[in-house]
Amino acid sequence: VNDIVTPYDLPYQAKDALKSYVPKL
């Protein structure tokens, strides 16, 4: 997930949440 979301213009708090959330989907 980190490899995919890193280029996005998002705050680190949102990227960290995505890294935890997406694998659970």
mmCIF file of all heavy atoms, coordinates in Angstrom:
data_MODEL
# 
_entry.id   MODEL 
# 
loop_
_atom_site.group_PDB 
_atom_site.id 
_atom_site.type_symbol 
_atom_site.label_atom_id 
_atom_site.label_alt_id 
_atom_site.label_comp_id 
_atom_site.label_asym_id 
_atom_site.label_entity_id 
_atom_site.label_seq_id 
_atom_site.pdbx_PDB_ins_code 
_atom_site.Cartn_x 
_atom_site.Cartn_y 
_atom_site.Cartn_z 
_atom_site.occupancy 
_atom_site.B_iso_or_equiv 
_atom_site.pdbx_formal_charge 
_atom_site.auth_seq_id 
_atom_site.auth_comp_id 
_atom_site.auth_asym_id 
_atom_site.auth_atom_id 
_atom_site.pdbx_PDB_model_num 
ATOM 1   N N   . VAL A 1 1  ? 0.847   -1.205 0.000  1.00 0.00 ? 1  VAL A N   1 
ATOM 2   C CA  . VAL A 1 1  ? 0.000   0.000  0.000  1.00 0.00 ? 1  VAL A CA  1 
ATOM 3   C C   . VAL A 1 1  ? 0.873   1.243  0.000  1.00 0.00 ? 1  VAL A C   1 
ATOM 4   O O   . VAL A 1 1  ? 0.597   2.231  -0.704 1.00 0.00 ? 1  VAL A O   1 
ATOM 5   C CB  . VAL A 1 1  ? -0.941  0.004  1.223  1.00 0.00 ? 1  VAL A CB  1 
ATOM 6   C CG1 . VAL A 1 1  ? -1.749  1.296  1.264  1.00 0.00 ? 1  VAL A CG1 1 
ATOM 7   C CG2 . VAL A 1 1  ? -1.875  -1.199 1.191  1.00 0.00 ? 1  VAL A CG2 1 
ATOM 8   N N   . ASN A 1 2  ? 1.939   1.216  0.774  1.00 0.00 ? 2  ASN A N   1 
ATOM 9   C CA  . ASN A 1 2  ? 2.833   2.369  0.857  1.00 0.00 ? 2  ASN A CA  1 
ATOM 10  C C   . ASN A 1 2  ? 3.399   2.731  -0.511 1.00 0.00 ? 2  ASN A C   1 
ATOM 11  O O   . ASN A 1 2  ? 3.486   3.918  -0.878 1.00 0.00 ? 2  ASN A O   1 
ATOM 12  C CB  . ASN A 1 2  ? 3.969   2.071  1.830  1.00 0.00 ? 2  ASN A CB  1 
ATOM 13  C CG  . ASN A 1 2  ? 4.892   3.253  2.018  1.00 0.00 ? 2  ASN A CG  1 
ATOM 14  O OD1 . ASN A 1 2  ? 4.499   4.297  2.512  1.00 0.00 ? 2  ASN A OD1 1 
ATOM 15  N ND2 . ASN A 1 2  ? 6.152   3.093  1.590  1.00 0.00 ? 2  ASN A ND2 1 
ATOM 16  N N   . ASP A 1 3  ? 3.774   1.713  -1.302 1.00 0.00 ? 3  ASP A N   1 
ATOM 17  C CA  . ASP A 1 3  ? 4.331   1.979  -2.631 1.00 0.00 ? 3  ASP A CA  1 
ATOM 18  C C   . ASP A 1 3  ? 3.324   2.696  -3.527 1.00 0.00 ? 3  ASP A C   1 
ATOM 19  O O   . ASP A 1 3  ? 3.709   3.500  -4.392 1.00 0.00 ? 3  ASP A O   1 
ATOM 20  C CB  . ASP A 1 3  ? 4.755   0.662  -3.296 1.00 0.00 ? 3  ASP A CB  1 
ATOM 21  C CG  . ASP A 1 3  ? 5.942   0.016  -2.595 1.00 0.00 ? 3  ASP A CG  1 
ATOM 22  O OD1 . ASP A 1 3  ? 6.655   0.735  -1.870 1.00 0.00 ? 3  ASP A OD1 1 
ATOM 23  O OD2 . ASP A 1 3  ? 6.144   -1.208 -2.771 1.00 0.00 ? 3  ASP A OD2 1 
ATOM 24  N N   . ILE A 1 4  ? 2.035   2.411  -3.330 1.00 0.00 ? 4  ILE A N   1 
ATOM 25  C CA  . ILE A 1 4  ? 1.004   3.009  -4.188 1.00 0.00 ? 4  ILE A CA  1 
ATOM 26  C C   . ILE A 1 4  ? 0.617   4.408  -3.724 1.00 0.00 ? 4  ILE A C   1 
ATOM 27  O O   . ILE A 1 4  ? 0.430   5.320  -4.538 1.00 0.00 ? 4  ILE A O   1 
ATOM 28  C CB  . ILE A 1 4  ? -0.242  2.093  -4.219 1.00 0.00 ? 4  ILE A CB  1 
ATOM 29  C CG1 . ILE A 1 4  ? 0.111   0.751  -4.880 1.00 0.00 ? 4  ILE A CG1 1 
ATOM 30  C CG2 . ILE A 1 4  ? -1.399  2.761  -4.943 1.00 0.00 ? 4  ILE A CG2 1 
ATOM 31  C CD1 . ILE A 1 4  ? -0.989  -0.283 -4.782 1.00 0.00 ? 4  ILE A CD1 1 
ATOM 32  N N   . VAL A 1 5  ? 0.496   4.622  -2.406 1.00 0.00 ? 5  VAL A N   1 
ATOM 33  C CA  . VAL A 1 5  ? -0.039  5.900  -1.901 1.00 0.00 ? 5  VAL A CA  1 
ATOM 34  C C   . VAL A 1 5  ? 1.036   6.961  -1.714 1.00 0.00 ? 5  VAL A C   1 
ATOM 35  O O   . VAL A 1 5  ? 0.700   8.146  -1.577 1.00 0.00 ? 5  VAL A O   1 
ATOM 36  C CB  . VAL A 1 5  ? -0.810  5.693  -0.581 1.00 0.00 ? 5  VAL A CB  1 
ATOM 37  C CG1 . VAL A 1 5  ? -1.925  4.678  -0.751 1.00 0.00 ? 5  VAL A CG1 1 
ATOM 38  C CG2 . VAL A 1 5  ? 0.120   5.277  0.550  1.00 0.00 ? 5  VAL A CG2 1 
ATOM 39  N N   . THR A 1 6  ? 2.311   6.577  -1.704 1.00 0.00 ? 6  THR A N   1 
ATOM 40  C CA  . THR A 1 6  ? 3.377   7.562  -1.472 1.00 0.00 ? 6  THR A CA  1 
ATOM 41  C C   . THR A 1 6  ? 3.326   8.750  -2.427 1.00 0.00 ? 6  THR A C   1 
ATOM 42  O O   . THR A 1 6  ? 3.487   9.904  -2.003 1.00 0.00 ? 6  THR A O   1 
ATOM 43  C CB  . THR A 1 6  ? 4.763   6.874  -1.539 1.00 0.00 ? 6  THR A CB  1 
ATOM 44  O OG1 . THR A 1 6  ? 4.874   5.941  -0.454 1.00 0.00 ? 6  THR A OG1 1 
ATOM 45  C CG2 . THR A 1 6  ? 5.880   7.901  -1.448 1.00 0.00 ? 6  THR A CG2 1 
ATOM 46  N N   . PRO A 1 7  ? 3.089   8.539  -3.738 1.00 0.00 ? 7  PRO A N   1 
ATOM 47  C CA  . PRO A 1 7  ? 3.071   9.704  -4.651 1.00 0.00 ? 7  PRO A CA  1 
ATOM 48  C C   . PRO A 1 7  ? 1.887   10.647 -4.448 1.00 0.00 ? 7  PRO A C   1 
ATOM 49  O O   . PRO A 1 7  ? 1.911   11.785 -4.965 1.00 0.00 ? 7  PRO A O   1 
ATOM 50  C CB  . PRO A 1 7  ? 3.001   9.050  -6.039 1.00 0.00 ? 7  PRO A CB  1 
ATOM 51  C CG  . PRO A 1 7  ? 3.426   7.632  -5.849 1.00 0.00 ? 7  PRO A CG  1 
ATOM 52  C CD  . PRO A 1 7  ? 2.959   7.275  -4.481 1.00 0.00 ? 7  PRO A CD  1 
ATOM 53  N N   . TYR A 1 8  ? 0.878   10.228 -3.730 1.00 0.00 ? 8  TYR A N   1 
ATOM 54  C CA  . TYR A 1 8  ? -0.313  11.073 -3.592 1.00 0.00 ? 8  TYR A CA  1 
ATOM 55  C C   . TYR A 1 8  ? -0.058  12.234 -2.644 1.00 0.00 ? 8  TYR A C   1 
ATOM 56  O O   . TYR A 1 8  ? 0.679   12.115 -1.656 1.00 0.00 ? 8  TYR A O   1 
ATOM 57  C CB  . TYR A 1 8  ? -1.496  10.246 -3.078 1.00 0.00 ? 8  TYR A CB  1 
ATOM 58  C CG  . TYR A 1 8  ? -2.169  9.425  -4.157 1.00 0.00 ? 8  TYR A CG  1 
ATOM 59  C CD1 . TYR A 1 8  ? -1.707  8.153  -4.470 1.00 0.00 ? 8  TYR A CD1 1 
ATOM 60  C CD2 . TYR A 1 8  ? -3.244  9.935  -4.872 1.00 0.00 ? 8  TYR A CD2 1 
ATOM 61  C CE1 . TYR A 1 8  ? -2.306  7.394  -5.466 1.00 0.00 ? 8  TYR A CE1 1 
ATOM 62  C CE2 . TYR A 1 8  ? -3.854  9.189  -5.867 1.00 0.00 ? 8  TYR A CE2 1 
ATOM 63  C CZ  . TYR A 1 8  ? -3.378  7.923  -6.164 1.00 0.00 ? 8  TYR A CZ  1 
ATOM 64  O OH  . TYR A 1 8  ? -3.969  7.179  -7.157 1.00 0.00 ? 8  TYR A OH  1 
ATOM 65  N N   . ASP A 1 9  ? -0.712  13.351 -2.957 1.00 0.00 ? 9  ASP A N   1 
ATOM 66  C CA  . ASP A 1 9  ? -0.558  14.575 -2.169 1.00 0.00 ? 9  ASP A CA  1 
ATOM 67  C C   . ASP A 1 9  ? -1.463  14.510 -0.940 1.00 0.00 ? 9  ASP A C   1 
ATOM 68  O O   . ASP A 1 9  ? -2.492  15.186 -0.861 1.00 0.00 ? 9  ASP A O   1 
ATOM 69  C CB  . ASP A 1 9  ? -0.900  15.787 -3.036 1.00 0.00 ? 9  ASP A CB  1 
ATOM 70  C CG  . ASP A 1 9  ? -0.539  17.106 -2.362 1.00 0.00 ? 9  ASP A CG  1 
ATOM 71  O OD1 . ASP A 1 9  ? 0.322   17.081 -1.468 1.00 0.00 ? 9  ASP A OD1 1 
ATOM 72  O OD2 . ASP A 1 9  ? -1.124  18.147 -2.726 1.00 0.00 ? 9  ASP A OD2 1 
ATOM 73  N N   . LEU A 1 10 ? -1.062  13.655 0.012  1.00 0.00 ? 10 LEU A N   1 
ATOM 74  C CA  . LEU A 1 10 ? -1.838  13.433 1.227  1.00 0.00 ? 10 LEU A CA  1 
ATOM 75  C C   . LEU A 1 10 ? -0.960  13.637 2.460  1.00 0.00 ? 10 LEU A C   1 
ATOM 76  O O   . LEU A 1 10 ? 0.250   13.380 2.410  1.00 0.00 ? 10 LEU A O   1 
ATOM 77  C CB  . LEU A 1 10 ? -2.379  11.992 1.258  1.00 0.00 ? 10 LEU A CB  1 
ATOM 78  C CG  . LEU A 1 10 ? -3.539  11.639 0.328  1.00 0.00 ? 10 LEU A CG  1 
ATOM 79  C CD1 . LEU A 1 10 ? -3.765  10.124 0.338  1.00 0.00 ? 10 LEU A CD1 1 
ATOM 80  C CD2 . LEU A 1 10 ? -4.819  12.370 0.751  1.00 0.00 ? 10 LEU A CD2 1 
ATOM 81  N N   . PRO A 1 11 ? -1.543  14.064 3.584  1.00 0.00 ? 11 PRO A N   1 
ATOM 82  C CA  . PRO A 1 11 ? -0.768  14.139 4.821  1.00 0.00 ? 11 PRO A CA  1 
ATOM 83  C C   . PRO A 1 11 ? -0.392  12.739 5.294  1.00 0.00 ? 11 PRO A C   1 
ATOM 84  O O   . PRO A 1 11 ? -1.071  11.757 4.981  1.00 0.00 ? 11 PRO A O   1 
ATOM 85  C CB  . PRO A 1 11 ? -1.732  14.823 5.801  1.00 0.00 ? 11 PRO A CB  1 
ATOM 86  C CG  . PRO A 1 11 ? -3.096  14.530 5.269  1.00 0.00 ? 11 PRO A CG  1 
ATOM 87  C CD  . PRO A 1 11 ? -2.941  14.496 3.773  1.00 0.00 ? 11 PRO A CD  1 
ATOM 88  N N   . TYR A 1 12 ? 0.694   12.646 6.057  1.00 0.00 ? 12 TYR A N   1 
ATOM 89  C CA  . TYR A 1 12 ? 1.165   11.331 6.490  1.00 0.00 ? 12 TYR A CA  1 
ATOM 90  C C   . TYR A 1 12 ? 0.139   10.627 7.360  1.00 0.00 ? 12 TYR A C   1 
ATOM 91  O O   . TYR A 1 12 ? 0.062   9.384  7.386  1.00 0.00 ? 12 TYR A O   1 
ATOM 92  C CB  . TYR A 1 12 ? 2.502   11.470 7.226  1.00 0.00 ? 12 TYR A CB  1 
ATOM 93  C CG  . TYR A 1 12 ? 2.406   12.084 8.601  1.00 0.00 ? 12 TYR A CG  1 
ATOM 94  C CD1 . TYR A 1 12 ? 2.178   11.305 9.731  1.00 0.00 ? 12 TYR A CD1 1 
ATOM 95  C CD2 . TYR A 1 12 ? 2.541   13.459 8.774  1.00 0.00 ? 12 TYR A CD2 1 
ATOM 96  C CE1 . TYR A 1 12 ? 2.092   11.872 10.991 1.00 0.00 ? 12 TYR A CE1 1 
ATOM 97  C CE2 . TYR A 1 12 ? 2.457   14.037 10.021 1.00 0.00 ? 12 TYR A CE2 1 
ATOM 98  C CZ  . TYR A 1 12 ? 2.233   13.242 11.135 1.00 0.00 ? 12 TYR A CZ  1 
ATOM 99  O OH  . TYR A 1 12 ? 2.130   13.804 12.379 1.00 0.00 ? 12 TYR A OH  1 
ATOM 100 N N   . GLN A 1 13 ? -0.705  11.377 8.075  1.00 0.00 ? 13 GLN A N   1 
ATOM 101 C CA  . GLN A 1 13 ? -1.720  10.738 8.923  1.00 0.00 ? 13 GLN A CA  1 
ATOM 102 C C   . GLN A 1 13 ? -2.726  9.942  8.093  1.00 0.00 ? 13 GLN A C   1 
ATOM 103 O O   . GLN A 1 13 ? -3.226  8.914  8.534  1.00 0.00 ? 13 GLN A O   1 
ATOM 104 C CB  . GLN A 1 13 ? -2.462  11.787 9.763  1.00 0.00 ? 13 GLN A CB  1 
ATOM 105 C CG  . GLN A 1 13 ? -1.567  12.565 10.728 1.00 0.00 ? 13 GLN A CG  1 
ATOM 106 C CD  . GLN A 1 13 ? -1.102  13.876 10.147 1.00 0.00 ? 13 GLN A CD  1 
ATOM 107 O OE1 . GLN A 1 13 ? -0.942  13.995 8.929  1.00 0.00 ? 13 GLN A OE1 1 
ATOM 108 N NE2 . GLN A 1 13 ? -0.871  14.875 10.990 1.00 0.00 ? 13 GLN A NE2 1 
ATOM 109 N N   . ALA A 1 14 ? -3.035  10.429 6.877  1.00 0.00 ? 14 ALA A N   1 
ATOM 110 C CA  . ALA A 1 14 ? -3.959  9.716  5.997  1.00 0.00 ? 14 ALA A CA  1 
ATOM 111 C C   . ALA A 1 14 ? -3.269  8.528  5.331  1.00 0.00 ? 14 ALA A C   1 
ATOM 112 O O   . ALA A 1 14 ? -3.855  7.453  5.192  1.00 0.00 ? 14 ALA A O   1 
ATOM 113 C CB  . ALA A 1 14 ? -4.514  10.669 4.934  1.00 0.00 ? 14 ALA A CB  1 
ATOM 114 N N   . LYS A 1 15 ? -1.999  8.697  4.926  1.00 0.00 ? 15 LYS A N   1 
ATOM 115 C CA  . LYS A 1 15 ? -1.271  7.595  4.302  1.00 0.00 ? 15 LYS A CA  1 
ATOM 116 C C   . LYS A 1 15 ? -1.077  6.442  5.284  1.00 0.00 ? 15 LYS A C   1 
ATOM 117 O O   . LYS A 1 15 ? -1.221  5.268  4.925  1.00 0.00 ? 15 LYS A O   1 
ATOM 118 C CB  . LYS A 1 15 ? 0.081   8.091  3.793  1.00 0.00 ? 15 LYS A CB  1 
ATOM 119 C CG  . LYS A 1 15 ? -0.017  9.055  2.613  1.00 0.00 ? 15 LYS A CG  1 
ATOM 120 C CD  . LYS A 1 15 ? 1.358   9.500  2.144  1.00 0.00 ? 15 LYS A CD  1 
ATOM 121 C CE  . LYS A 1 15 ? 1.252   10.443 0.946  1.00 0.00 ? 15 LYS A CE  1 
ATOM 122 N NZ  . LYS A 1 15 ? 2.585   10.913 0.487  1.00 0.00 ? 15 LYS A NZ  1 
ATOM 123 N N   . ASP A 1 16 ? -0.747  6.764  6.531  1.00 0.00 ? 16 ASP A N   1 
ATOM 124 C CA  . ASP A 1 16 ? -0.574  5.713  7.538  1.00 0.00 ? 16 ASP A CA  1 
ATOM 125 C C   . ASP A 1 16 ? -1.886  4.971  7.791  1.00 0.00 ? 16 ASP A C   1 
ATOM 126 O O   . ASP A 1 16 ? -1.889  3.756  8.014  1.00 0.00 ? 16 ASP A O   1 
ATOM 127 C CB  . ASP A 1 16 ? -0.048  6.306  8.845  1.00 0.00 ? 16 ASP A CB  1 
ATOM 128 C CG  . ASP A 1 16 ? 1.423   6.697  8.749  1.00 0.00 ? 16 ASP A CG  1 
ATOM 129 O OD1 . ASP A 1 16 ? 2.064   6.330  7.743  1.00 0.00 ? 16 ASP A OD1 1 
ATOM 130 O OD2 . ASP A 1 16 ? 1.929   7.367  9.676  1.00 0.00 ? 16 ASP A OD2 1 
ATOM 131 N N   . ALA A 1 17 ? -3.009  5.712  7.773  1.00 0.00 ? 17 ALA A N   1 
ATOM 132 C CA  . ALA A 1 17 ? -4.313  5.065  7.962  1.00 0.00 ? 17 ALA A CA  1 
ATOM 133 C C   . ALA A 1 17 ? -4.620  4.127  6.796  1.00 0.00 ? 17 ALA A C   1 
ATOM 134 O O   . ALA A 1 17 ? -5.143  3.023  6.989  1.00 0.00 ? 17 ALA A O   1 
ATOM 135 C CB  . ALA A 1 17 ? -5.408  6.126  8.094  1.00 0.00 ? 17 ALA A CB  1 
ATOM 136 N N   . LEU A 1 18 ? -4.289  4.550  5.574  1.00 0.00 ? 18 LEU A N   1 
ATOM 137 C CA  . LEU A 1 18 ? -4.507  3.696  4.402  1.00 0.00 ? 18 LEU A CA  1 
ATOM 138 C C   . LEU A 1 18 ? -3.672  2.422  4.481  1.00 0.00 ? 18 LEU A C   1 
ATOM 139 O O   . LEU A 1 18 ? -4.134  1.333  4.144  1.00 0.00 ? 18 LEU A O   1 
ATOM 140 C CB  . LEU A 1 18 ? -4.164  4.467  3.126  1.00 0.00 ? 18 LEU A CB  1 
ATOM 141 C CG  . LEU A 1 18 ? -5.201  5.482  2.637  1.00 0.00 ? 18 LEU A CG  1 
ATOM 142 C CD1 . LEU A 1 18 ? -4.615  6.359  1.531  1.00 0.00 ? 18 LEU A CD1 1 
ATOM 143 C CD2 . LEU A 1 18 ? -6.453  4.772  2.140  1.00 0.00 ? 18 LEU A CD2 1 
ATOM 144 N N   . LYS A 1 19 ? -2.430  2.547  4.934  1.00 0.00 ? 19 LYS A N   1 
ATOM 145 C CA  . LYS A 1 19 ? -1.545  1.378  5.020  1.00 0.00 ? 19 LYS A CA  1 
ATOM 146 C C   . LYS A 1 19 ? -2.094  0.345  5.997  1.00 0.00 ? 19 LYS A C   1 
ATOM 147 O O   . LYS A 1 19 ? -1.880  -0.857 5.827  1.00 0.00 ? 19 LYS A O   1 
ATOM 148 C CB  . LYS A 1 19 ? -0.142  1.821  5.424  1.00 0.00 ? 19 LYS A CB  1 
ATOM 149 C CG  . LYS A 1 19 ? 0.611   2.532  4.307  1.00 0.00 ? 19 LYS A CG  1 
ATOM 150 C CD  . LYS A 1 19 ? 2.063   2.809  4.679  1.00 0.00 ? 19 LYS A CD  1 
ATOM 151 C CE  . LYS A 1 19 ? 2.179   3.971  5.628  1.00 0.00 ? 19 LYS A CE  1 
ATOM 152 N NZ  . LYS A 1 19 ? 3.601   4.331  5.868  1.00 0.00 ? 19 LYS A NZ  1 
ATOM 153 N N   . SER A 1 20 ? -2.807  0.801  7.006  1.00 0.00 ? 20 SER A N   1 
ATOM 154 C CA  . SER A 1 20 ? -3.395  -0.125 7.975  1.00 0.00 ? 20 SER A CA  1 
ATOM 155 C C   . SER A 1 20 ? -4.734  -0.666 7.499  1.00 0.00 ? 20 SER A C   1 
ATOM 156 O O   . SER A 1 20 ? -5.067  -1.834 7.736  1.00 0.00 ? 20 SER A O   1 
ATOM 157 C CB  . SER A 1 20 ? -3.565  0.576  9.321  1.00 0.00 ? 20 SER A CB  1 
ATOM 158 O OG  . SER A 1 20 ? -4.252  -0.238 10.237 1.00 0.00 ? 20 SER A OG  1 
ATOM 159 N N   . TYR A 1 21 ? -5.507  0.179  6.786  1.00 0.00 ? 21 TYR A N   1 
ATOM 160 C CA  . TYR A 1 21 ? -6.887  -0.156 6.437  1.00 0.00 ? 21 TYR A CA  1 
ATOM 161 C C   . TYR A 1 21 ? -7.005  -1.028 5.195  1.00 0.00 ? 21 TYR A C   1 
ATOM 162 O O   . TYR A 1 21 ? -7.746  -2.016 5.177  1.00 0.00 ? 21 TYR A O   1 
ATOM 163 C CB  . TYR A 1 21 ? -7.667  1.144  6.236  1.00 0.00 ? 21 TYR A CB  1 
ATOM 164 C CG  . TYR A 1 21 ? -9.103  0.977  5.824  1.00 0.00 ? 21 TYR A CG  1 
ATOM 165 C CD1 . TYR A 1 21 ? -10.003 0.256  6.605  1.00 0.00 ? 21 TYR A CD1 1 
ATOM 166 C CD2 . TYR A 1 21 ? -9.580  1.556  4.644  1.00 0.00 ? 21 TYR A CD2 1 
ATOM 167 C CE1 . TYR A 1 21 ? -11.337 0.118  6.234  1.00 0.00 ? 21 TYR A CE1 1 
ATOM 168 C CE2 . TYR A 1 21 ? -10.903 1.424  4.271  1.00 0.00 ? 21 TYR A CE2 1 
ATOM 169 C CZ  . TYR A 1 21 ? -11.775 0.698  5.064  1.00 0.00 ? 21 TYR A CZ  1 
ATOM 170 O OH  . TYR A 1 21 ? -13.080 0.555  4.685  1.00 0.00 ? 21 TYR A OH  1 
ATOM 171 N N   . VAL A 1 22 ? -6.280  -0.706 4.136  1.00 0.00 ? 22 VAL A N   1 
ATOM 172 C CA  . VAL A 1 22 ? -6.450  -1.407 2.856  1.00 0.00 ? 22 VAL A CA  1 
ATOM 173 C C   . VAL A 1 22 ? -6.208  -2.913 2.957  1.00 0.00 ? 22 VAL A C   1 
ATOM 174 O O   . VAL A 1 22 ? -6.993  -3.701 2.410  1.00 0.00 ? 22 VAL A O   1 
ATOM 175 C CB  . VAL A 1 22 ? -5.550  -0.773 1.772  1.00 0.00 ? 22 VAL A CB  1 
ATOM 176 C CG1 . VAL A 1 22 ? -5.595  -1.597 0.493  1.00 0.00 ? 22 VAL A CG1 1 
ATOM 177 C CG2 . VAL A 1 22 ? -5.992  0.656  1.486  1.00 0.00 ? 22 VAL A CG2 1 
ATOM 178 N N   . PRO A 1 23 ? -5.148  -3.376 3.652  1.00 0.00 ? 23 PRO A N   1 
ATOM 179 C CA  . PRO A 1 23 ? -4.951  -4.829 3.731  1.00 0.00 ? 23 PRO A CA  1 
ATOM 180 C C   . PRO A 1 23 ? -6.098  -5.584 4.404  1.00 0.00 ? 23 PRO A C   1 
ATOM 181 O O   . PRO A 1 23 ? -6.243  -6.794 4.196  1.00 0.00 ? 23 PRO A O   1 
ATOM 182 C CB  . PRO A 1 23 ? -3.654  -4.961 4.560  1.00 0.00 ? 23 PRO A CB  1 
ATOM 183 C CG  . PRO A 1 23 ? -2.932  -3.673 4.334  1.00 0.00 ? 23 PRO A CG  1 
ATOM 184 C CD  . PRO A 1 23 ? -4.012  -2.642 4.256  1.00 0.00 ? 23 PRO A CD  1 
ATOM 185 N N   . LYS A 1 24 ? -6.917  -4.890 5.172  1.00 0.00 ? 24 LYS A N   1 
ATOM 186 C CA  . LYS A 1 24 ? -8.031  -5.542 5.861  1.00 0.00 ? 24 LYS A CA  1 
ATOM 187 C C   . LYS A 1 24 ? -9.289  -5.643 4.999  1.00 0.00 ? 24 LYS A C   1 
ATOM 188 O O   . LYS A 1 24 ? -10.213 -6.378 5.341  1.00 0.00 ? 24 LYS A O   1 
ATOM 189 C CB  . LYS A 1 24 ? -8.391  -4.773 7.138  1.00 0.00 ? 24 LYS A CB  1 
ATOM 190 C CG  . LYS A 1 24 ? -7.263  -4.655 8.147  1.00 0.00 ? 24 LYS A CG  1 
ATOM 191 C CD  . LYS A 1 24 ? -7.709  -3.792 9.316  1.00 0.00 ? 24 LYS A CD  1 
ATOM 192 C CE  . LYS A 1 24 ? -6.584  -3.571 10.312 1.00 0.00 ? 24 LYS A CE  1 
ATOM 193 N NZ  . LYS A 1 24 ? -7.003  -2.656 11.409 1.00 0.00 ? 24 LYS A NZ  1 
ATOM 194 N N   . LEU A 1 25 ? -9.330  -4.882 3.911  1.00 0.00 ? 25 LEU A N   1 
ATOM 195 C CA  . LEU A 1 25 ? -10.582 -4.773 3.163  1.00 0.00 ? 25 LEU A CA  1 
ATOM 196 C C   . LEU A 1 25 ? -11.083 -6.120 2.659  1.00 0.00 ? 25 LEU A C   1 
ATOM 197 O O   . LEU A 1 25 ? -12.270 -6.435 2.782  1.00 0.00 ? 25 LEU A O   1 
ATOM 198 C CB  . LEU A 1 25 ? -10.406 -3.809 1.988  1.00 0.00 ? 25 LEU A CB  1 
ATOM 199 C CG  . LEU A 1 25 ? -10.428 -2.324 2.363  1.00 0.00 ? 25 LEU A CG  1 
ATOM 200 C CD1 . LEU A 1 25 ? -9.997  -1.463 1.191  1.00 0.00 ? 25 LEU A CD1 1 
ATOM 201 C CD2 . LEU A 1 25 ? -11.814 -1.924 2.838  1.00 0.00 ? 25 LEU A CD2 1 
# 
